Every structure is written in structure tokens, then in C-alpha cells.
Amino acid sequence: MMLMLLSHLVPGAAFAARPDPARGKEKYQQLCAACHGPSGKGDGPAAAALNPKPRDYTDKKFSMSDQAMHDVIKRGGAAVGKSPVMPAWGQALSDQDIRDVIAYIRALARK
């Protein structure tokens, strides 16, 4: 009963799944690897033609909050004052998908 009440007060909060890096890897390989590279080094096949170059997610100095990353992925770089080369994926990815991709990106920096 309490869960039902809370789910109406905070839409989606009661049902948000934990981020899953394995699911994030699938989405990353489909949508991100062409620019950011299959292992996140910013060396994907499309990277050579891009200016600025895609971010290297394996660099442990990379620092951006999960919320900031979520905004960039969902809305695109230009919409949040970042690289206009970064496309918006909000139409292709759900919020859960984006959380999963972020979890995978975080795992790349720990390798």
C-alpha cells in the first residue's frame, strides 16, 4: 500500500531499476562505439572526422556527474553547452537505458 502511494507521489521512483552495465554495454556498442570506440578510448571509426574528438572514457581523470552525463546523452552536447558533435539520444534511449550506459561508461574508467 505504501509503495503504491509513494509511486504516485514520485512518478517512476518506485520502479526505477538499478543501472545494469551489461545492458549499458549493449546500447553503448550499438550507439556510442562508432565515435567513442569499442572500449571507450575515443577512437571509434568516426572519431577521426570529428572536432572536437570524442571523450576518452577510460581516462580516470574524466569527471562529470551522472546527472550531467545523463543530460548530455539525452539532450545532446549543444543543448547543455558541450560539443555540438554529440547527438541527442533521448528519442532512442529510455532514461533507464541511459542509466545503464552511464554504468557501463563508469566501468570503463575502472579497468
PDB file of N, CA and C in Angstrom:
ATOM      1  N   MET A   1       0.825  -1.188   0.000  1.00  0.00           N
ATOM      2  CA  MET A   1       0.000   0.000   0.000  1.00  0.00           C
ATOM      3  C   MET A   1       0.872   1.256   0.000  1.00  0.00           C
ATOM      4  N   MET A   2       1.866   1.265   0.889  1.00  0.00           N
ATOM      5  CA  MET A   2       2.745   2.426   0.970  1.00  0.00           C
ATOM      6  C   MET A   2       3.506   2.626  -0.339  1.00  0.00           C
ATOM      7  N   LEU A   3       3.960   1.532  -0.948  1.00  0.00           N
ATOM      8  CA  LEU A   3       4.674   1.612  -2.214  1.00  0.00           C
ATOM      9  C   LEU A   3       3.788   2.215  -3.294  1.00  0.00           C
ATOM     10  N   MET A   4       2.515   1.817  -3.320  1.00  0.00           N
ATOM     11  CA  MET A   4       1.589   2.378  -4.299  1.00  0.00           C
ATOM     12  C   MET A   4       1.423   3.868  -4.077  1.00  0.00           C
ATOM     13  N   LEU A   5       1.318   4.288  -2.842  1.00  0.00           N
ATOM     14  CA  LEU A   5       1.168   5.700  -2.529  1.00  0.00           C
ATOM     15  C   LEU A   5       2.403   6.473  -2.955  1.00  0.00           C
ATOM     16  N   LEU A   6       3.569   5.964  -2.621  1.00  0.00           N
ATOM     17  CA  LEU A   6       4.809   6.641  -2.993  1.00  0.00           C
ATOM     18  C   LEU A   6       4.991   6.702  -4.501  1.00  0.00           C
ATOM     19  N   SER A   7       4.575   5.668  -5.200  1.00  0.00           N
ATOM     20  CA  SER A   7       4.749   5.661  -6.650  1.00  0.00           C
ATOM     21  C   SER A   7       3.906   6.742  -7.318  1.00  0.00           C
ATOM     22  N   HIS A   8       2.820   7.145  -6.691  1.00  0.00           N
ATOM     23  CA  HIS A   8       2.008   8.226  -7.245  1.00  0.00           C
ATOM     24  C   HIS A   8       2.589   9.587  -6.900  1.00  0.00           C
ATOM     25  N   LEU A   9       3.292   9.686  -5.791  1.00  0.00           N
ATOM     26  CA  LEU A   9       3.890  10.954  -5.390  1.00  0.00           C
ATOM     27  C   LEU A   9       5.156  11.265  -6.174  1.00  0.00           C
ATOM     28  N   VAL A  10       5.939  10.243  -6.469  1.00  0.00           N
ATOM     29  CA  VAL A  10       7.191  10.415  -7.200  1.00  0.00           C
ATOM     30  C   VAL A  10       7.158   9.471  -8.401  1.00  0.00           C
ATOM     31  N   PRO A  11       6.647   9.950  -9.536  1.00  0.00           N
ATOM     32  CA  PRO A  11       6.496   9.072 -10.695  1.00  0.00           C
ATOM     33  C   PRO A  11       7.811   8.416 -11.091  1.00  0.00           C
ATOM     34  N   GLY A  12       7.766   7.104 -11.262  1.00  0.00           N
ATOM     35  CA  GLY A  12       8.930   6.364 -11.707  1.00  0.00           C
ATOM     36  C   GLY A  12       9.908   5.995 -10.618  1.00  0.00           C
ATOM     37  N   ALA A  13       9.866   6.668  -9.482  1.00  0.00           N
ATOM     38  CA  ALA A  13      10.857   6.432  -8.433  1.00  0.00           C
ATOM     39  C   ALA A  13      10.771   5.024  -7.872  1.00  0.00           C
ATOM     40  N   ALA A  14       9.563   4.522  -7.683  1.00  0.00           N
ATOM     41  CA  ALA A  14       9.411   3.202  -7.079  1.00  0.00           C
ATOM     42  C   ALA A  14       9.764   2.079  -8.052  1.00  0.00           C
ATOM     43  N   PHE A  15       9.811   2.379  -9.329  1.00  0.00           N
ATOM     44  CA  PHE A  15      10.014   1.339 -10.319  1.00  0.00           C
ATOM     45  C   PHE A  15      11.333   1.449 -11.070  1.00  0.00           C
ATOM     46  N   ALA A  16      12.169   2.414 -10.745  1.00  0.00           N
ATOM     47  CA  ALA A  16      13.448   2.564 -11.434  1.00  0.00           C
ATOM     48  C   ALA A  16      14.360   1.399 -11.069  1.00  0.00           C
ATOM     49  N   ALA A  17      14.809   0.703 -12.072  1.00  0.00           N
ATOM     50  CA  ALA A  17      15.710  -0.428 -11.846  1.00  0.00           C
ATOM     51  C   ALA A  17      17.124   0.082 -11.606  1.00  0.00           C
ATOM     52  N   ARG A  18      17.906  -0.735 -10.942  1.00  0.00           N
ATOM     53  CA  ARG A  18      19.317  -0.400 -10.756  1.00  0.00           C
ATOM     54  C   ARG A  18      19.986  -0.344 -12.121  1.00  0.00           C
ATOM     55  N   PRO A  19      20.937   0.553 -12.293  1.00  0.00           N
ATOM     56  CA  PRO A  19      21.673   0.582 -13.561  1.00  0.00           C
ATOM     57  C   PRO A  19      22.389  -0.750 -13.800  1.00  0.00           C
ATOM     58  N   ASP A  20      22.327  -1.228 -15.015  1.00  0.00           N
ATOM     59  CA  ASP A  20      22.918  -2.514 -15.384  1.00  0.00           C
ATOM     60  C   ASP A  20      23.998  -2.293 -16.446  1.00  0.00           C
ATOM     61  N   PRO A  21      25.278  -2.374 -16.053  1.00  0.00           N
ATOM     62  CA  PRO A  21      26.346  -2.131 -17.019  1.00  0.00           C
ATOM     63  C   PRO A  21      26.343  -3.106 -18.200  1.00  0.00           C
ATOM     64  N   ALA A  22      25.872  -4.323 -18.008  1.00  0.00           N
ATOM     65  CA  ALA A  22      25.818  -5.286 -19.120  1.00  0.00           C
ATOM     66  C   ALA A  22      24.825  -4.824 -20.184  1.00  0.00           C
ATOM     67  N   ARG A  23      23.655  -4.357 -19.746  1.00  0.00           N
ATOM     68  CA  ARG A  23      22.689  -3.799 -20.708  1.00  0.00           C
ATOM     69  C   ARG A  23      23.242  -2.517 -21.310  1.00  0.00           C
ATOM     70  N   GLY A  24      23.933  -1.730 -20.473  1.00  0.00           N
ATOM     71  CA  GLY A  24      24.544  -0.495 -20.961  1.00  0.00           C
ATOM     72  C   GLY A  24      25.581  -0.758 -22.034  1.00  0.00           C
ATOM     73  N   LYS A  25      26.336  -1.832 -21.885  1.00  0.00           N
ATOM     74  CA  LYS A  25      27.352  -2.184 -22.887  1.00  0.00           C
ATOM     75  C   LYS A  25      26.703  -2.453 -24.239  1.00  0.00           C
ATOM     76  N   GLU A  26      25.578  -3.162 -24.236  1.00  0.00           N
ATOM     77  CA  GLU A  26      24.865  -3.436 -25.493  1.00  0.00           C
ATOM     78  C   GLU A  26      24.482  -2.146 -26.198  1.00  0.00           C
ATOM     79  N   LYS A  27      23.865  -1.231 -25.455  1.00  0.00           N
ATOM     80  CA  LYS A  27      23.437   0.048 -26.040  1.00  0.00           C
ATOM     81  C   LYS A  27      24.647   0.866 -26.472  1.00  0.00           C
ATOM     82  N   TYR A  28      25.692   0.863 -25.645  1.00  0.00           N
ATOM     83  CA  TYR A  28      26.915   1.597 -25.954  1.00  0.00           C
ATOM     84  C   TYR A  28      27.498   1.094 -27.281  1.00  0.00           C
ATOM     85  N   GLN A  29      27.602  -0.215 -27.435  1.00  0.00           N
ATOM     86  CA  GLN A  29      28.175  -0.778 -28.663  1.00  0.00           C
ATOM     87  C   GLN A  29      27.324  -0.413 -29.882  1.00  0.00           C
ATOM     88  N   GLN A  30      26.007  -0.346 -29.706  1.00  0.00           N
ATOM     89  CA  GLN A  30      25.108  -0.011 -30.812  1.00  0.00           C
ATOM     90  C   GLN A  30      25.183   1.462 -31.199  1.00  0.00           C
ATOM     91  N   LEU A  31      25.237   2.347 -30.200  1.00  0.00           N
ATOM     92  CA  LEU A  31      25.054   3.772 -30.469  1.00  0.00           C
ATOM     93  C   LEU A  31      26.276   4.660 -30.211  1.00  0.00           C
ATOM     94  N   CYS A  32      27.187   4.225 -29.381  1.00  0.00           N
ATOM     95  CA  CYS A  32      28.274   5.105 -28.945  1.00  0.00           C
ATOM     96  C   CYS A  32      29.641   4.730 -29.503  1.00  0.00           C
ATOM     97  N   ALA A  33      29.847   3.442 -29.757  1.00  0.00           N
ATOM     98  CA  ALA A  33      31.178   2.946 -30.116  1.00  0.00           C
ATOM     99  C   ALA A  33      31.706   3.525 -31.426  1.00  0.00           C
ATOM    100  N   ALA A  34      30.840   3.898 -32.348  1.00  0.00           N
ATOM    101  CA  ALA A  34      31.316   4.450 -33.617  1.00  0.00           C
ATOM    102  C   ALA A  34      32.177   5.690 -33.399  1.00  0.00           C
ATOM    103  N   CYS A  35      31.855   6.472 -32.392  1.00  0.00           N
ATOM    104  CA  CYS A  35      32.644   7.674 -32.090  1.00  0.00           C
ATOM    105  C   CYS A  35      33.588   7.459 -30.909  1.00  0.00           C
ATOM    106  N   HIS A  36      33.061   6.914 -29.821  1.00  0.00           N
ATOM    107  CA  HIS A  36      33.848   6.783 -28.590  1.00  0.00           C
ATOM    108  C   HIS A  36      34.734   5.541 -28.571  1.00  0.00           C
ATOM    109  N   GLY A  37      34.584   4.661 -29.559  1.00  0.00           N
ATOM    110  CA  GLY A  37      35.410   3.460 -29.643  1.00  0.00           C
ATOM    111  C   GLY A  37      34.809   2.308 -28.878  1.00  0.00           C
ATOM    112  N   PRO A  38      35.089   1.076 -29.309  1.00  0.00           N
ATOM    113  CA  PRO A  38      34.506  -0.094 -28.662  1.00  0.00           C
ATOM    114  C   PRO A  38      34.913  -0.253 -27.203  1.00  0.00           C
ATOM    115  N   SER A  39      36.068   0.264 -26.838  1.00  0.00           N
ATOM    116  CA  SER A  39      36.496   0.176 -25.435  1.00  0.00           C
ATOM    117  C   SER A  39      36.500   1.541 -24.753  1.00  0.00           C
ATOM    118  N   GLY A  40      35.864   2.544 -25.376  1.00  0.00           N
ATOM    119  CA  GLY A  40      35.684   3.843 -24.740  1.00  0.00           C
ATOM    120  C   GLY A  40      36.855   4.791 -24.803  1.00  0.00           C
ATOM    121  N   LYS A  41      37.836   4.538 -25.661  1.00  0.00           N
ATOM    122  CA  LYS A  41      39.038   5.374 -25.704  1.00  0.00           C
ATOM    123  C   LYS A  41      38.901   6.606 -26.601  1.00  0.00           C
ATOM    124  N   GLY A  42      37.726   6.818 -27.171  1.00  0.00           N
ATOM    125  CA  GLY A  42      37.531   7.972 -28.045  1.00  0.00           C
ATOM    126  C   GLY A  42      38.114   7.754 -29.429  1.00  0.00           C
ATOM    127  N   ASP A  43      38.306   6.493 -29.794  1.00  0.00           N
ATOM    128  CA  ASP A  43      38.985   6.161 -31.046  1.00  0.00           C
ATOM    129  C   ASP A  43      38.126   5.332 -31.997  1.00  0.00           C
ATOM    130  N   GLY A  44      36.833   5.575 -31.990  1.00  0.00           N
ATOM    131  CA  GLY A  44      35.949   4.842 -32.893  1.00  0.00           C
ATOM    132  C   GLY A  44      36.208   5.217 -34.338  1.00  0.00           C
ATOM    133  N   PRO A  45      35.669   4.452 -35.286  1.00  0.00           N
ATOM    134  CA  PRO A  45      35.926   4.711 -36.701  1.00  0.00           C
ATOM    135  C   PRO A  45      35.495   6.102 -37.171  1.00  0.00           C
ATOM    136  N   ALA A  46      34.513   6.704 -36.539  1.00  0.00           N
ATOM    137  CA  ALA A  46      34.066   8.042 -36.934  1.00  0.00           C
ATOM    138  C   ALA A  46      34.864   9.150 -36.250  1.00  0.00           C
ATOM    139  N   ALA A  47      35.654   8.820 -35.251  1.00  0.00           N
ATOM    140  CA  ALA A  47      36.347   9.828 -34.438  1.00  0.00           C
ATOM    141  C   ALA A  47      37.316  10.688 -35.233  1.00  0.00           C
ATOM    142  N   ALA A  48      37.977  10.120 -36.221  1.00  0.00           N
ATOM    143  CA  ALA A  48      38.977  10.866 -36.986  1.00  0.00           C
ATOM    144  C   ALA A  48      38.383  12.094 -37.665  1.00  0.00           C
ATOM    145  N   ALA A  49      37.117  12.027 -38.029  1.00  0.00           N
ATOM    146  CA  ALA A  49      36.475  13.132 -38.733  1.00  0.00           C
ATOM    147  C   ALA A  49      35.823  14.142 -37.791  1.00  0.00           C
ATOM    148  N   LEU A  50      35.897  13.909 -36.495  1.00  0.00           N
ATOM    149  CA  LEU A  50      35.189  14.770 -35.541  1.00  0.00           C
ATOM    150  C   LEU A  50      36.119  15.788 -34.890  1.00  0.00           C
ATOM    151  N   ASN A  51      35.592  16.986 -34.701  1.00  0.00           N
ATOM    152  CA  ASN A  51      36.299  18.035 -33.978  1.00  0.00           C
ATOM    153  C   ASN A  51      35.276  18.779 -33.136  1.00  0.00           C
ATOM    154  N   PRO A  52      35.371  18.695 -31.829  1.00  0.00           N
ATOM    155  CA  PRO A  52      36.423  18.070 -31.037  1.00  0.00           C
ATOM    156  C   PRO A  52      36.310  16.542 -31.053  1.00  0.00           C
ATOM    157  N   LYS A  53      37.391  15.906 -30.669  1.00  0.00           N
ATOM    158  CA  LYS A  53      37.443  14.450 -30.607  1.00  0.00           C
ATOM    159  C   LYS A  53      36.539  13.949 -29.478  1.00  0.00           C
ATOM    160  N   PRO A  54      35.985  12.756 -29.630  1.00  0.00           N
ATOM    161  CA  PRO A  54      35.154  12.185 -28.562  1.00  0.00           C
ATOM    162  C   PRO A  54      35.958  11.967 -27.281  1.00  0.00           C
ATOM    163  N   ARG A  55      35.268  12.050 -26.180  1.00  0.00           N
ATOM    164  CA  ARG A  55      35.895  11.866 -24.870  1.00  0.00           C
ATOM    165  C   ARG A  55      36.412  10.442 -24.705  1.00  0.00           C
ATOM    166  N   ASP A  56      37.562  10.327 -24.035  1.00  0.00           N
ATOM    167  CA  ASP A  56      38.149   9.028 -23.686  1.00  0.00           C
ATOM    168  C   ASP A  56      37.606   8.645 -22.315  1.00  0.00           C
ATOM    169  N   TYR A  57      36.682   7.696 -22.284  1.00  0.00           N
ATOM    170  CA  TYR A  57      36.053   7.303 -21.020  1.00  0.00           C
ATOM    171  C   TYR A  57      36.947   6.445 -20.137  1.00  0.00           C
ATOM    172  N   THR A  58      38.071   5.964 -20.666  1.00  0.00           N
ATOM    173  CA  THR A  58      38.978   5.164 -19.841  1.00  0.00           C
ATOM    174  C   THR A  58      39.903   6.036 -19.006  1.00  0.00           C
ATOM    175  N   ASP A  59      39.922   7.341 -19.288  1.00  0.00           N
ATOM    176  CA  ASP A  59      40.756   8.280 -18.534  1.00  0.00           C
ATOM    177  C   ASP A  59      40.140   8.474 -17.154  1.00  0.00           C
ATOM    178  N   LYS A  60      40.854   8.063 -16.133  1.00  0.00           N
ATOM    179  CA  LYS A  60      40.328   8.147 -14.763  1.00  0.00           C
ATOM    180  C   LYS A  60      40.135   9.596 -14.304  1.00  0.00           C
ATOM    181  N   LYS A  61      40.712  10.551 -15.013  1.00  0.00           N
ATOM    182  CA  LYS A  61      40.537  11.967 -14.661  1.00  0.00           C
ATOM    183  C   LYS A  61      39.206  12.516 -15.172  1.00  0.00           C
ATOM    184  N   PHE A  62      38.545  11.730 -16.017  1.00  0.00           N
ATOM    185  CA  PHE A  62      37.250  12.137 -16.544  1.00  0.00           C
ATOM    186  C   PHE A  62      36.289  12.346 -15.380  1.00  0.00           C
ATOM    187  N   SER A  63      35.762  13.539 -15.271  1.00  0.00           N
ATOM    188  CA  SER A  63      34.846  13.786 -14.157  1.00  0.00           C
ATOM    189  C   SER A  63      33.627  14.565 -14.634  1.00  0.00           C
ATOM    190  N   MET A  64      32.513  13.930 -14.506  1.00  0.00           N
ATOM    191  CA  MET A  64      31.226  14.532 -14.815  1.00  0.00           C
ATOM    192  C   MET A  64      30.220  13.747 -13.987  1.00  0.00           C
ATOM    193  N   SER A  65      29.303  14.436 -13.372  1.00  0.00           N
ATOM    194  CA  SER A  65      28.312  13.732 -12.555  1.00  0.00           C
ATOM    195  C   SER A  65      27.430  12.859 -13.444  1.00  0.00           C
ATOM    196  N   ASP A  66      26.811  11.870 -12.830  1.00  0.00           N
ATOM    197  CA  ASP A  66      25.891  11.016 -13.579  1.00  0.00           C
ATOM    198  C   ASP A  66      24.767  11.844 -14.191  1.00  0.00           C
ATOM    199  N   GLN A  67      24.277  12.834 -13.448  1.00  0.00           N
ATOM    200  CA  GLN A  67      23.189  13.662 -13.971  1.00  0.00           C
ATOM    201  C   GLN A  67      23.650  14.469 -15.178  1.00  0.00           C
ATOM    202  N   ALA A  68      24.858  15.019 -15.117  1.00  0.00           N
ATOM    203  CA  ALA A  68      25.380  15.782 -16.255  1.00  0.00           C
ATOM    204  C   ALA A  68      25.545  14.874 -17.474  1.00  0.00           C
ATOM    205  N   MET A  69      26.064  13.661 -17.253  1.00  0.00           N
ATOM    206  CA  MET A  69      26.196  12.712 -18.364  1.00  0.00           C
ATOM    207  C   MET A  69      24.826  12.352 -18.931  1.00  0.00           C
ATOM    208  N   HIS A  70      23.869  12.144 -18.047  1.00  0.00           N
ATOM    209  CA  HIS A  70      22.506  11.820 -18.471  1.00  0.00           C
ATOM    210  C   HIS A  70      21.967  12.924 -19.375  1.00  0.00           C
ATOM    211  N   ASP A  71      22.157  14.172 -18.967  1.00  0.00           N
ATOM    212  CA  ASP A  71      21.662  15.299 -19.753  1.00  0.00           C
ATOM    213  C   ASP A  71      22.320  15.359 -21.126  1.00  0.00           C
ATOM    214  N   VAL A  72      23.635  15.149 -21.179  1.00  0.00           N
ATOM    215  CA  VAL A  72      24.349  15.180 -22.459  1.00  0.00           C
ATOM    216  C   VAL A  72      23.858  14.061 -23.370  1.00  0.00           C
ATOM    217  N   ILE A  73      23.733  12.863 -22.828  1.00  0.00           N
ATOM    218  CA  ILE A  73      23.290  11.725 -23.644  1.00  0.00           C
ATOM    219  C   ILE A  73      21.853  11.939 -24.121  1.00  0.00           C
ATOM    220  N   LYS A  74      21.001  12.381 -23.247  1.00  0.00           N
ATOM    221  CA  LYS A  74      19.582  12.540 -23.588  1.00  0.00           C
ATOM    222  C   LYS A  74      19.337  13.719 -24.530  1.00  0.00           C
ATOM    223  N   ARG A  75      19.963  14.868 -24.235  1.00  0.00           N
ATOM    224  CA  ARG A  75      19.645  16.100 -24.955  1.00  0.00           C
ATOM    225  C   ARG A  75      20.659  16.486 -26.020  1.00  0.00           C
ATOM    226  N   GLY A  76      21.841  15.872 -25.978  1.00  0.00           N
ATOM    227  CA  GLY A  76      22.892  16.221 -26.934  1.00  0.00           C
ATOM    228  C   GLY A  76      23.821  17.272 -26.366  1.00  0.00           C
ATOM    229  N   GLY A  77      25.026  17.313 -26.879  1.00  0.00           N
ATOM    230  CA  GLY A  77      26.045  18.217 -26.360  1.00  0.00           C
ATOM    231  C   GLY A  77      25.683  19.685 -26.476  1.00  0.00           C
ATOM    232  N   ALA A  78      25.202  20.104 -27.628  1.00  0.00           N
ATOM    233  CA  ALA A  78      24.902  21.519 -27.842  1.00  0.00           C
ATOM    234  C   ALA A  78      23.845  22.034 -26.870  1.00  0.00           C
ATOM    235  N   ALA A  79      22.882  21.202 -26.523  1.00  0.00           N
ATOM    236  CA  ALA A  79      21.786  21.617 -25.639  1.00  0.00           C
ATOM    237  C   ALA A  79      22.251  21.902 -24.223  1.00  0.00           C
ATOM    238  N   VAL A  80      23.412  21.373 -23.855  1.00  0.00           N
ATOM    239  CA  VAL A  80      23.903  21.563 -22.483  1.00  0.00           C
ATOM    240  C   VAL A  80      25.258  22.270 -22.453  1.00  0.00           C
ATOM    241  N   GLY A  81      25.592  22.964 -23.525  1.00  0.00           N
ATOM    242  CA  GLY A  81      26.826  23.740 -23.561  1.00  0.00           C
ATOM    243  C   GLY A  81      28.084  22.919 -23.779  1.00  0.00           C
ATOM    244  N   LYS A  82      27.939  21.732 -24.328  1.00  0.00           N
ATOM    245  CA  LYS A  82      29.089  20.867 -24.627  1.00  0.00           C
ATOM    246  C   LYS A  82      29.242  20.777 -26.146  1.00  0.00           C
ATOM    247  N   SER A  83      29.988  19.803 -26.602  1.00  0.00           N
ATOM    248  CA  SER A  83      30.271  19.648 -28.030  1.00  0.00           C
ATOM    249  C   SER A  83      28.996  19.483 -28.861  1.00  0.00           C
ATOM    250  N   PRO A  84      28.854  20.297 -29.906  1.00  0.00           N
ATOM    251  CA  PRO A  84      27.700  20.147 -30.787  1.00  0.00           C
ATOM    252  C   PRO A  84      27.765  18.867 -31.625  1.00  0.00           C
ATOM    253  N   VAL A  85      28.904  18.193 -31.611  1.00  0.00           N
ATOM    254  CA  VAL A  85      29.065  16.947 -32.357  1.00  0.00           C
ATOM    255  C   VAL A  85      28.335  15.793 -31.661  1.00  0.00           C
ATOM    256  N   MET A  86      28.158  15.903 -30.346  1.00  0.00           N
ATOM    257  CA  MET A  86      27.488  14.845 -29.581  1.00  0.00           C
ATOM    258  C   MET A  86      25.986  14.907 -29.840  1.00  0.00           C
ATOM    259  N   PRO A  87      25.423  13.845 -30.463  1.00  0.00           N
ATOM    260  CA  PRO A  87      23.991  13.860 -30.761  1.00  0.00           C
ATOM    261  C   PRO A  87      23.135  13.602 -29.520  1.00  0.00           C
ATOM    262  N   ALA A  88      21.884  13.974 -29.632  1.00  0.00           N
ATOM    263  CA  ALA A  88      20.902  13.672 -28.582  1.00  0.00           C
ATOM    264  C   ALA A  88      20.369  12.262 -28.821  1.00  0.00           C
ATOM    265  N   TRP A  89      20.348  11.450 -27.764  1.00  0.00           N
ATOM    266  CA  TRP A  89      19.853  10.077 -27.877  1.00  0.00           C
ATOM    267  C   TRP A  89      18.541   9.873 -27.121  1.00  0.00           C
ATOM    268  N   GLY A  90      17.911  10.957 -26.685  1.00  0.00           N
ATOM    269  CA  GLY A  90      16.686  10.854 -25.901  1.00  0.00           C
ATOM    270  C   GLY A  90      15.528  10.185 -26.616  1.00  0.00           C
ATOM    271  N   GLN A  91      15.514  10.230 -27.937  1.00  0.00           N
ATOM    272  CA  GLN A  91      14.447   9.557 -28.689  1.00  0.00           C
ATOM    273  C   GLN A  91      14.724   8.067 -28.854  1.00  0.00           C
ATOM    274  N   ALA A  92      15.996   7.682 -28.783  1.00  0.00           N
ATOM    275  CA  ALA A  92      16.376   6.281 -28.995  1.00  0.00           C
ATOM    276  C   ALA A  92      16.560   5.507 -27.695  1.00  0.00           C
ATOM    277  N   LEU A  93      16.848   6.221 -26.609  1.00  0.00           N
ATOM    278  CA  LEU A  93      17.141   5.574 -25.333  1.00  0.00           C
ATOM    279  C   LEU A  93      16.176   6.041 -24.253  1.00  0.00           C
ATOM    280  N   SER A  94      15.679   5.116 -23.474  1.00  0.00           N
ATOM    281  CA  SER A  94      14.860   5.470 -22.307  1.00  0.00           C
ATOM    282  C   SER A  94      15.787   5.998 -21.210  1.00  0.00           C
ATOM    283  N   ASP A  95      15.217   6.584 -20.174  1.00  0.00           N
ATOM    284  CA  ASP A  95      16.032   7.033 -19.040  1.00  0.00           C
ATOM    285  C   ASP A  95      16.772   5.859 -18.414  1.00  0.00           C
ATOM    286  N   GLN A  96      16.121   4.691 -18.341  1.00  0.00           N
ATOM    287  CA  GLN A  96      16.791   3.506 -17.798  1.00  0.00           C
ATOM    288  C   GLN A  96      17.951   3.082 -18.693  1.00  0.00           C
ATOM    289  N   ASP A  97      17.744   3.113 -20.005  1.00  0.00           N
ATOM    290  CA  ASP A  97      18.833   2.791 -20.931  1.00  0.00           C
ATOM    291  C   ASP A  97      20.025   3.719 -20.693  1.00  0.00           C
ATOM    292  N   ILE A  98      19.743   5.001 -20.511  1.00  0.00           N
ATOM    293  CA  ILE A  98      20.816   5.979 -20.297  1.00  0.00           C
ATOM    294  C   ILE A  98      21.547   5.679 -18.994  1.00  0.00           C
ATOM    295  N   ARG A  99      20.806   5.351 -17.933  1.00  0.00           N
ATOM    296  CA  ARG A  99      21.463   4.988 -16.668  1.00  0.00           C
ATOM    297  C   ARG A  99      22.344   3.752 -16.852  1.00  0.00           C
ATOM    298  N   ASP A 100      21.879   2.802 -17.649  1.00  0.00           N
ATOM    299  CA  ASP A 100      22.668   1.599 -17.921  1.00  0.00           C
ATOM    300  C   ASP A 100      23.949   1.946 -18.683  1.00  0.00           C
ATOM    301  N   VAL A 101      23.841   2.808 -19.680  1.00  0.00           N
ATOM    302  CA  VAL A 101      25.022   3.227 -20.451  1.00  0.00           C
ATOM    303  C   VAL A 101      26.015   3.943 -19.544  1.00  0.00           C
ATOM    304  N   ILE A 102      25.531   4.808 -18.675  1.00  0.00           N
ATOM    305  CA  ILE A 102      26.419   5.513 -17.745  1.00  0.00           C
ATOM    306  C   ILE A 102      27.132   4.519 -16.837  1.00  0.00           C
ATOM    307  N   ALA A 103      26.422   3.511 -16.360  1.00  0.00           N
ATOM    308  CA  ALA A 103      27.056   2.487 -15.512  1.00  0.00           C
ATOM    309  C   ALA A 103      28.166   1.778 -16.277  1.00  0.00           C
ATOM    310  N   TYR A 104      27.941   1.505 -17.549  1.00  0.00           N
ATOM    311  CA  TYR A 104      28.974   0.865 -18.361  1.00  0.00           C
ATOM    312  C   TYR A 104      30.163   1.808 -18.562  1.00  0.00           C
ATOM    313  N   ILE A 105      29.896   3.069 -18.853  1.00  0.00           N
ATOM    314  CA  ILE A 105      30.975   4.050 -19.036  1.00  0.00           C
ATOM    315  C   ILE A 105      31.807   4.164 -17.766  1.00  0.00           C
ATOM    316  N   ARG A 106      31.157   4.182 -16.610  1.00  0.00           N
ATOM    317  CA  ARG A 106      31.891   4.240 -15.335  1.00  0.00           C
ATOM    318  C   ARG A 106      32.789   3.010 -15.182  1.00  0.00           C
ATOM    319  N   ALA A 107      32.312   1.858 -15.625  1.00  0.00           N
ATOM    320  CA  ALA A 107      33.115   0.630 -15.534  1.00  0.00           C
ATOM    321  C   ALA A 107      34.348   0.716 -16.434  1.00  0.00           C
ATOM    322  N   LEU A 108      34.253   1.400 -17.564  1.00  0.00           N
ATOM    323  CA  LEU A 108      35.401   1.538 -18.462  1.00  0.00           C
ATOM    324  C   LEU A 108      36.561   2.259 -17.779  1.00  0.00           C
ATOM    325  N   ALA A 109      36.250   3.245 -16.966  1.00  0.00           N
ATOM    326  CA  ALA A 109      37.297   4.021 -16.283  1.00  0.00           C
ATOM    327  C   ALA A 109      37.957   3.225 -15.169  1.00  0.00           C
ATOM    328  N   ARG A 110      37.299   2.168 -14.712  1.00  0.00           N
ATOM    329  CA  ARG A 110      37.863   1.363 -13.617  1.00  0.00           C
ATOM    330  C   ARG A 110      38.740   0.225 -14.127  1.00  0.00           C
ATOM    331  N   LYS A 111      38.754  -0.002 -15.419  1.00  0.00           N
ATOM    332  CA  LYS A 111      39.528  -1.130 -15.968  1.00  0.00           C
ATOM    333  C   LYS A 111      41.007  -0.828 -15.980  1.00  0.00           C
TER     334      LYS A 111
END
